[in-house]
Amino acid sequence: MKNPPSDESTSDTQKKVSVKDILQSVFAAALGVQSSKNRDRDFKQGNIGIFIAAGILFTALFIGGVIAVVQAVVSLN
């Protein structure tokens, strides 16, 4: 006979951070508007390597986007 899981074992500290949560955290961190609740969740549940990789990827895409926009504007003149 199995015992039902207690509320403590299924608490938020044992859940994995989803891809949506990672993207939301990276965007919020880039804008500087990350809530303390989400930041605490990321530090407790998240894998730092995933957040670093997502941050580097976001930064590279942002810089590439800025370069593309500048080149498009410069080529119009």
N, C-alpha and C. Protein backbone atom coordinates (compact mmCIF):
# COMPACT_ATOMS: atom_id res chain seq x y z
N MET A 1 0.84 -1.17 0.00
CA MET A 1 0.00 0.00 0.00
C MET A 1 0.88 1.23 0.00
N LYS A 2 0.65 2.12 -0.96
CA LYS A 2 1.47 3.33 -1.08
C LYS A 2 0.89 4.43 -0.22
N ASN A 3 1.79 5.18 0.36
CA ASN A 3 1.39 6.36 1.12
C ASN A 3 1.28 7.53 0.17
N PRO A 4 0.24 8.33 0.30
CA PRO A 4 0.16 9.51 -0.58
C PRO A 4 1.27 10.48 -0.24
N PRO A 5 1.78 11.17 -1.25
CA PRO A 5 2.87 12.11 -0.98
C PRO A 5 2.37 13.25 -0.10
N SER A 6 3.21 13.64 0.81
CA SER A 6 2.85 14.74 1.69
C SER A 6 3.04 16.06 0.95
N ASP A 7 2.45 17.10 1.49
CA ASP A 7 2.59 18.42 0.89
C ASP A 7 4.04 18.88 0.91
N GLU A 8 4.79 18.45 1.89
CA GLU A 8 6.18 18.85 2.01
C GLU A 8 7.02 18.28 0.88
N SER A 9 6.76 17.04 0.46
CA SER A 9 7.58 16.41 -0.57
C SER A 9 7.29 16.95 -1.96
N THR A 10 6.15 17.56 -2.15
CA THR A 10 5.81 18.12 -3.46
C THR A 10 5.88 19.63 -3.44
N SER A 11 6.63 20.17 -2.52
CA SER A 11 6.73 21.63 -2.42
C SER A 11 7.49 22.20 -3.61
N ASP A 12 7.50 23.52 -3.70
CA ASP A 12 8.15 24.20 -4.82
C ASP A 12 9.65 23.96 -4.87
N THR A 13 10.26 23.59 -3.76
CA THR A 13 11.71 23.43 -3.76
C THR A 13 12.15 22.19 -4.52
N GLN A 14 11.24 21.27 -4.83
CA GLN A 14 11.62 20.05 -5.53
C GLN A 14 11.22 20.07 -7.00
N LYS A 15 10.49 21.06 -7.44
CA LYS A 15 10.09 21.14 -8.84
C LYS A 15 11.23 21.71 -9.66
N LYS A 16 11.32 21.24 -10.89
CA LYS A 16 12.35 21.75 -11.82
C LYS A 16 11.86 23.05 -12.44
N VAL A 17 12.80 23.88 -12.82
CA VAL A 17 12.47 25.12 -13.49
C VAL A 17 12.20 24.80 -14.96
N SER A 18 11.08 25.28 -15.49
CA SER A 18 10.71 24.99 -16.88
C SER A 18 11.46 25.92 -17.83
N VAL A 19 11.41 25.58 -19.11
CA VAL A 19 12.04 26.39 -20.15
C VAL A 19 11.42 27.79 -20.15
N LYS A 20 10.10 27.84 -19.99
CA LYS A 20 9.41 29.14 -19.92
C LYS A 20 9.93 29.97 -18.76
N ASP A 21 10.14 29.34 -17.61
CA ASP A 21 10.66 30.04 -16.44
C ASP A 21 12.08 30.56 -16.69
N ILE A 22 12.89 29.76 -17.37
CA ILE A 22 14.27 30.16 -17.67
C ILE A 22 14.27 31.38 -18.60
N LEU A 23 13.46 31.30 -19.67
CA LEU A 23 13.40 32.42 -20.61
C LEU A 23 12.87 33.68 -19.94
N GLN A 24 11.84 33.51 -19.12
CA GLN A 24 11.28 34.66 -18.40
C GLN A 24 12.31 35.27 -17.47
N SER A 25 13.07 34.44 -16.78
CA SER A 25 14.09 34.95 -15.86
C SER A 25 15.21 35.66 -16.60
N VAL A 26 15.62 35.13 -17.75
CA VAL A 26 16.70 35.76 -18.52
C VAL A 26 16.25 37.11 -19.06
N PHE A 27 15.03 37.18 -19.59
CA PHE A 27 14.52 38.46 -20.10
C PHE A 27 14.36 39.47 -18.97
N ALA A 28 13.82 39.02 -17.86
CA ALA A 28 13.63 39.93 -16.72
C ALA A 28 14.97 40.41 -16.18
N ALA A 29 15.95 39.53 -16.12
CA ALA A 29 17.27 39.92 -15.65
C ALA A 29 17.93 40.90 -16.61
N ALA A 30 17.72 40.70 -17.91
CA ALA A 30 18.30 41.62 -18.90
C ALA A 30 17.70 43.01 -18.76
N LEU A 31 16.43 43.08 -18.40
CA LEU A 31 15.78 44.37 -18.21
C LEU A 31 15.95 44.92 -16.80
N GLY A 32 16.42 44.08 -15.89
CA GLY A 32 16.62 44.50 -14.51
C GLY A 32 15.36 44.55 -13.69
N VAL A 33 14.37 43.74 -14.03
CA VAL A 33 13.09 43.77 -13.33
C VAL A 33 12.72 42.42 -12.71
N GLN A 34 13.68 41.58 -12.44
CA GLN A 34 13.43 40.26 -11.86
C GLN A 34 12.86 40.40 -10.45
N SER A 35 11.76 39.71 -10.18
CA SER A 35 11.18 39.75 -8.83
C SER A 35 12.00 38.89 -7.88
N SER A 36 11.95 39.23 -6.62
CA SER A 36 12.72 38.47 -5.64
C SER A 36 12.20 37.05 -5.52
N LYS A 37 10.90 36.85 -5.71
CA LYS A 37 10.33 35.50 -5.65
C LYS A 37 10.91 34.62 -6.75
N ASN A 38 10.94 35.15 -7.98
CA ASN A 38 11.48 34.38 -9.10
C ASN A 38 12.99 34.18 -8.97
N ARG A 39 13.69 35.19 -8.50
CA ARG A 39 15.13 35.06 -8.30
C ARG A 39 15.45 33.98 -7.27
N ASP A 40 14.70 33.95 -6.18
CA ASP A 40 14.89 32.91 -5.16
C ASP A 40 14.60 31.52 -5.73
N ARG A 41 13.53 31.42 -6.54
CA ARG A 41 13.19 30.14 -7.17
C ARG A 41 14.33 29.67 -8.08
N ASP A 42 14.88 30.60 -8.86
CA ASP A 42 15.96 30.24 -9.77
C ASP A 42 17.19 29.75 -9.03
N PHE A 43 17.55 30.43 -7.95
CA PHE A 43 18.74 30.03 -7.20
C PHE A 43 18.54 28.70 -6.47
N LYS A 44 17.32 28.42 -6.02
CA LYS A 44 17.07 27.19 -5.28
C LYS A 44 16.86 26.00 -6.19
N GLN A 45 16.19 26.18 -7.32
CA GLN A 45 15.80 25.05 -8.16
C GLN A 45 16.57 24.95 -9.46
N GLY A 46 17.11 26.05 -9.94
CA GLY A 46 17.70 26.06 -11.27
C GLY A 46 19.14 25.59 -11.30
N ASN A 47 19.55 25.18 -12.49
CA ASN A 47 20.93 24.80 -12.75
C ASN A 47 21.64 26.04 -13.29
N ILE A 48 22.68 26.47 -12.62
CA ILE A 48 23.35 27.72 -13.00
C ILE A 48 23.88 27.68 -14.43
N GLY A 49 24.31 26.53 -14.89
CA GLY A 49 24.84 26.41 -16.24
C GLY A 49 23.80 26.74 -17.30
N ILE A 50 22.55 26.35 -17.07
CA ILE A 50 21.47 26.64 -18.01
C ILE A 50 21.22 28.14 -18.07
N PHE A 51 21.22 28.80 -16.91
CA PHE A 51 20.99 30.24 -16.89
C PHE A 51 22.15 31.00 -17.52
N ILE A 52 23.36 30.55 -17.30
CA ILE A 52 24.52 31.21 -17.93
C ILE A 52 24.45 31.05 -19.45
N ALA A 53 24.17 29.84 -19.91
CA ALA A 53 24.07 29.60 -21.35
C ALA A 53 22.95 30.42 -21.98
N ALA A 54 21.80 30.47 -21.32
CA ALA A 54 20.67 31.26 -21.83
C ALA A 54 21.02 32.74 -21.85
N GLY A 55 21.72 33.22 -20.85
CA GLY A 55 22.12 34.62 -20.80
C GLY A 55 23.10 34.97 -21.90
N ILE A 56 24.07 34.09 -22.13
CA ILE A 56 25.04 34.32 -23.20
C ILE A 56 24.35 34.30 -24.56
N LEU A 57 23.45 33.35 -24.76
CA LEU A 57 22.71 33.26 -26.02
C LEU A 57 21.85 34.51 -26.23
N PHE A 58 21.15 34.95 -25.20
CA PHE A 58 20.33 36.16 -25.30
C PHE A 58 21.19 37.37 -25.64
N THR A 59 22.33 37.49 -24.98
CA THR A 59 23.23 38.63 -25.23
C THR A 59 23.74 38.62 -26.67
N ALA A 60 24.13 37.44 -27.15
CA ALA A 60 24.62 37.34 -28.54
C ALA A 60 23.52 37.69 -29.54
N LEU A 61 22.30 37.22 -29.30
CA LEU A 61 21.19 37.54 -30.19
C LEU A 61 20.84 39.03 -30.13
N PHE A 62 20.91 39.61 -28.95
CA PHE A 62 20.63 41.04 -28.80
C PHE A 62 21.66 41.88 -29.55
N ILE A 63 22.93 41.55 -29.37
CA ILE A 63 24.00 42.29 -30.06
C ILE A 63 23.87 42.11 -31.58
N GLY A 64 23.60 40.89 -32.01
CA GLY A 64 23.40 40.65 -33.44
C GLY A 64 22.23 41.43 -33.99
N GLY A 65 21.16 41.53 -33.23
CA GLY A 65 20.00 42.32 -33.65
C GLY A 65 20.32 43.79 -33.76
N VAL A 66 21.06 44.32 -32.80
CA VAL A 66 21.45 45.74 -32.84
C VAL A 66 22.33 46.00 -34.04
N ILE A 67 23.29 45.12 -34.30
CA ILE A 67 24.18 45.28 -35.45
C ILE A 67 23.38 45.25 -36.75
N ALA A 68 22.42 44.33 -36.86
CA ALA A 68 21.61 44.23 -38.07
C ALA A 68 20.78 45.49 -38.28
N VAL A 69 20.20 46.03 -37.23
CA VAL A 69 19.40 47.25 -37.35
C VAL A 69 20.29 48.42 -37.76
N VAL A 70 21.45 48.55 -37.15
CA VAL A 70 22.36 49.66 -37.48
C VAL A 70 22.80 49.55 -38.94
N GLN A 71 23.15 48.35 -39.39
CA GLN A 71 23.57 48.18 -40.79
C GLN A 71 22.42 48.51 -41.74
N ALA A 72 21.20 48.13 -41.38
CA ALA A 72 20.05 48.44 -42.24
C ALA A 72 19.82 49.94 -42.32
N VAL A 73 19.94 50.63 -41.21
CA VAL A 73 19.74 52.08 -41.20
C VAL A 73 20.86 52.78 -41.95
N VAL A 74 22.09 52.36 -41.77
CA VAL A 74 23.23 52.99 -42.44
C VAL A 74 23.13 52.77 -43.95
N SER A 75 22.70 51.61 -44.37
CA SER A 75 22.63 51.32 -45.81
C SER A 75 21.53 52.12 -46.51
N LEU A 76 20.57 52.65 -45.76
CA LEU A 76 19.51 53.48 -46.36
C LEU A 76 20.03 54.83 -46.76
N ASN A 77 21.09 55.31 -46.16
CA ASN A 77 21.62 56.65 -46.46
C ASN A 77 22.69 56.58 -47.50
